[in-house]
């Protein structure tokens, strides 16, 4: 991304794409891909799934650009799509596991295999792997609020724009999620608190 590209607003780039300069969409992909993959991987616990879903997200966003209202709020727009597609994926995965159990099938065989979370265990080590497993035990709403606040450093206003929830609800979800994780992981003051403490904005 060039200096000129970095200075352009999201809405300016969207307008350029809609005017026919479709290659400019790559600027938005580079601008958001890392955060989108991080968000999805924290929600699903699997880096391979995250990259696959992220590709679908950017394709969906591209197809939806004509319907996007250019109000300097592209970040909320793209994360809403990522949220919806990730939650749909998690529901499908849950139904697949349930269906496999009803059939008495071996979960280690395709197409019913549910791979364990690999991103944290391979890249971050045993402690991070345990955090990923515990994140998956949270309710979808608690996990979504916590990931947006702690890992993506969204403000409460930004989380509200993505989810449609009130600020008090967001605060409650984050508080309960952090409390449950701290209890489950028995976090030490020196290490875990730094990871779990969200920035107040």
Protein backbone atom coordinates (compact mmCIF):
# COMPACT_ATOMS: atom_id res chain seq x y z
CA UNK A 1 0.00 0.00 0.00
CA UNK A 2 1.46 3.33 -1.05
CA UNK A 3 1.44 6.49 1.06
CA UNK A 4 -1.29 7.92 -1.17
CA UNK A 5 -3.40 4.78 -0.73
CA UNK A 6 -2.97 4.87 3.04
CA UNK A 7 -4.22 8.45 3.15
CA UNK A 8 -7.40 7.70 1.22
CA UNK A 9 -10.59 7.15 3.18
CA UNK A 10 -12.52 3.90 2.93
CA UNK A 11 -15.46 5.71 1.35
CA UNK A 12 -13.22 7.30 -1.26
CA UNK A 13 -11.92 3.88 -2.24
CA UNK A 14 -15.44 2.43 -2.35
CA UNK A 15 -16.47 5.25 -4.66
CA UNK A 16 -13.51 4.56 -6.90
CA UNK A 17 -14.39 0.85 -7.11
CA UNK A 18 -18.01 1.64 -7.96
CA UNK A 19 -16.80 3.98 -10.71
CA UNK A 20 -15.03 1.07 -12.38
CA UNK A 21 -11.55 1.09 -10.85
CA UNK A 22 -12.07 -2.37 -9.38
CA UNK A 23 -8.39 -2.95 -8.62
CA UNK A 24 -8.73 -0.37 -5.85
CA UNK A 25 -10.69 -2.97 -3.91
CA UNK A 26 -7.35 -4.62 -3.17
CA UNK A 27 -6.53 -1.60 -0.99
CA UNK A 28 -9.49 -2.38 1.25
CA UNK A 29 -8.54 -6.05 1.38
CA UNK A 30 -4.99 -5.20 2.48
CA UNK A 31 -6.34 -2.65 4.95
CA UNK A 32 -8.75 -5.03 6.69
CA UNK A 33 -7.66 -8.60 5.99
CA UNK A 34 -5.43 -9.04 9.05
CA UNK A 35 -8.06 -7.79 11.49
CA UNK A 36 -10.85 -9.76 9.82
CA UNK A 37 -8.85 -13.00 9.97
CA UNK A 38 -7.95 -12.30 13.61
CA UNK A 39 -11.58 -11.66 14.48
CA UNK A 40 -12.83 -14.83 12.79
CA UNK A 41 -10.04 -17.02 14.16
CA UNK A 42 -10.88 -15.90 17.71
CA UNK A 43 -14.53 -16.69 17.09
CA UNK A 44 -13.97 -20.09 15.48
CA UNK A 45 -10.71 -21.22 17.09
CA UNK A 46 -9.33 -22.34 13.73
CA UNK A 47 -6.95 -20.38 11.49
CA UNK A 48 -7.76 -22.35 8.34
CA UNK A 49 -11.48 -21.76 8.76
CA UNK A 50 -10.77 -18.10 9.49
CA UNK A 51 -8.88 -17.57 6.23
CA UNK A 52 -11.58 -19.37 4.25
CA UNK A 53 -14.42 -17.39 5.81
CA UNK A 54 -12.46 -14.15 5.36
CA UNK A 55 -12.27 -14.78 1.62
CA UNK A 56 -16.04 -15.22 1.55
CA UNK A 57 -16.45 -12.03 3.58
CA UNK A 58 -14.47 -9.94 1.11
CA UNK A 59 -16.38 -11.45 -1.80
CA UNK A 60 -19.68 -10.66 -0.08
CA UNK A 61 -18.54 -7.12 0.68
CA UNK A 62 -17.55 -6.56 -2.95
CA UNK A 63 -20.95 -7.74 -4.14
CA UNK A 64 -22.66 -5.51 -1.56
CA UNK A 65 -20.76 -2.29 -2.28
CA UNK A 66 -23.62 -0.77 -4.34
CA UNK A 67 -25.82 -1.00 -1.23
CA UNK A 68 -23.27 0.51 1.14
CA UNK A 69 -24.13 3.98 2.40
CA UNK A 70 -20.99 6.06 2.26
CA UNK A 71 -21.11 7.61 5.72
CA UNK A 72 -17.50 7.04 6.80
CA UNK A 73 -18.55 3.85 8.55
CA UNK A 74 -17.07 1.15 6.34
CA UNK A 75 -15.39 -0.56 9.30
CA UNK A 76 -18.74 -1.27 10.94
CA UNK A 77 -20.11 -2.42 7.59
CA UNK A 78 -17.40 -4.99 6.97
CA UNK A 79 -17.39 -6.32 10.53
CA UNK A 80 -21.17 -6.75 10.46
CA UNK A 81 -20.76 -8.98 7.42
CA UNK A 82 -17.87 -10.85 9.07
CA UNK A 83 -19.93 -11.31 12.24
CA UNK A 84 -22.95 -12.68 10.38
CA UNK A 85 -20.94 -15.06 8.20
CA UNK A 86 -18.93 -16.32 11.18
CA UNK A 87 -22.02 -16.95 13.29
CA UNK A 88 -23.63 -18.76 10.36
CA UNK A 89 -20.52 -20.92 10.04
CA UNK A 90 -20.58 -21.75 13.76
CA UNK A 91 -24.25 -22.74 13.55
CA UNK A 92 -23.57 -24.99 10.57
CA UNK A 93 -20.65 -26.59 12.37
CA UNK A 94 -22.78 -27.20 15.44
CA UNK A 95 -25.49 -28.83 13.34
CA UNK A 96 -22.89 -30.99 11.60
CA UNK A 97 -21.53 -32.27 14.91
CA UNK A 98 -25.04 -32.89 16.25
CA UNK A 99 -26.03 -34.71 13.07
CA UNK A 100 -22.93 -36.88 13.21
CA UNK A 101 -23.69 -37.85 16.79
CA UNK A 102 -27.26 -38.74 15.93
CA UNK A 103 -25.98 -41.03 13.21
CA UNK A 104 -23.39 -42.54 15.52
CA UNK A 105 -20.67 -41.65 13.07
CA UNK A 106 -16.98 -41.43 13.95
CA UNK A 107 -16.12 -37.76 14.43
CA UNK A 108 -12.61 -38.42 13.20
CA UNK A 109 -13.83 -39.26 9.71
CA UNK A 110 -14.82 -36.80 7.01
CA UNK A 111 -17.21 -35.14 6.49
CA UNK A 112 -17.93 -34.96 10.20
CA UNK A 113 -14.44 -34.28 11.50
CA UNK A 114 -14.24 -31.24 13.75
CA UNK A 115 -10.62 -30.16 13.80
CA UNK A 116 -9.32 -28.91 17.14
CA UNK A 117 -8.27 -25.28 17.36
CA UNK A 118 -4.82 -25.04 15.83
CA UNK A 119 -4.02 -21.38 15.54
CA UNK A 120 -3.08 -20.73 19.15
CA UNK A 121 -1.58 -24.14 19.90
CA UNK A 122 0.81 -23.99 16.98
CA UNK A 123 1.59 -20.28 16.92
CA UNK A 124 1.12 -19.08 20.47
CA UNK A 125 1.85 -22.14 22.59
CA UNK A 126 -0.01 -24.15 25.17
CA UNK A 127 -1.29 -21.19 27.21
CA UNK A 128 -2.73 -19.44 24.20
CA UNK A 129 -4.26 -22.72 23.04
CA UNK A 130 -6.09 -23.06 26.33
CA UNK A 131 -7.36 -19.49 25.99
CA UNK A 132 -8.73 -20.30 22.55
CA UNK A 133 -10.52 -23.38 23.89
CA UNK A 134 -12.03 -21.36 26.72
CA UNK A 135 -13.16 -18.64 24.31
CA UNK A 136 -15.15 -21.24 22.41
CA UNK A 137 -16.97 -22.16 25.62
CA UNK A 138 -18.35 -18.65 26.00
CA UNK A 139 -21.75 -17.81 24.60
CA UNK A 140 -21.63 -16.38 21.08
CA UNK A 141 -22.62 -12.93 22.35
CA UNK A 142 -19.98 -12.90 25.09
CA UNK A 143 -17.30 -14.11 22.69
CA UNK A 144 -18.24 -11.56 20.04
CA UNK A 145 -18.19 -8.64 22.48
CA UNK A 146 -14.90 -9.73 24.07
CA UNK A 147 -13.09 -10.32 20.78
CA UNK A 148 -14.15 -6.95 19.39
CA UNK A 149 -13.14 -5.11 22.56
CA UNK A 150 -9.97 -6.90 23.67
CA UNK A 151 -8.39 -8.24 20.49
CA UNK A 152 -9.54 -5.62 17.98
CA UNK A 153 -9.62 -2.75 20.49
CA UNK A 154 -13.01 -1.50 19.34
CA UNK A 155 -14.67 1.25 21.37
CA UNK A 156 -18.09 0.60 22.86
CA UNK A 157 -19.55 2.85 20.17
CA UNK A 158 -17.94 0.76 17.43
CA UNK A 159 -19.15 -2.48 19.00
CA UNK A 160 -22.65 -0.99 19.17
CA UNK A 161 -22.48 -0.14 15.46
CA UNK A 162 -21.42 -3.68 14.56
CA UNK A 163 -23.83 -5.56 16.84
CA UNK A 164 -26.74 -3.21 17.40
CA UNK A 165 -26.52 -3.80 21.16
CA UNK A 166 -26.79 -1.09 23.80
CA UNK A 167 -23.64 0.00 25.62
CA UNK A 168 -24.86 -1.39 28.99
CA UNK A 169 -25.44 -4.78 27.38
CA UNK A 170 -21.97 -4.71 25.83
CA UNK A 171 -20.39 -3.81 29.17
CA UNK A 172 -22.25 -6.66 30.89
CA UNK A 173 -21.27 -9.20 28.23
CA UNK A 174 -17.60 -8.22 28.40
CA UNK A 175 -17.57 -8.23 32.19
CA UNK A 176 -19.14 -11.69 32.40
CA UNK A 177 -16.88 -13.07 29.68
CA UNK A 178 -13.73 -11.79 31.36
CA UNK A 179 -14.90 -13.08 34.74
CA UNK A 180 -15.58 -16.53 33.34
CA UNK A 181 -12.27 -16.70 31.51
CA UNK A 182 -10.31 -15.54 34.54
CA UNK A 183 -11.99 -18.15 36.67
CA UNK A 184 -11.44 -20.91 34.12
CA UNK A 185 -7.84 -20.09 33.37
CA UNK A 186 -6.84 -18.97 36.88
CA UNK A 187 -4.96 -16.12 35.29
CA UNK A 188 -1.95 -14.72 37.09
CA UNK A 189 -1.76 -11.01 37.76
CA UNK A 190 1.50 -10.66 35.85
CA UNK A 191 0.41 -12.31 32.64
CA UNK A 192 -3.28 -12.94 32.16
CA UNK A 193 -4.52 -9.59 33.39
CA UNK A 194 -2.61 -7.78 30.65
CA UNK A 195 -4.24 -9.96 27.99
CA UNK A 196 -7.75 -9.76 29.33
CA UNK A 197 -7.90 -6.09 30.30
CA UNK A 198 -9.78 -4.11 27.66
CA UNK A 199 -8.88 -0.54 27.02
CA UNK A 200 -11.51 1.87 28.25
CA UNK A 201 -12.43 4.24 25.45
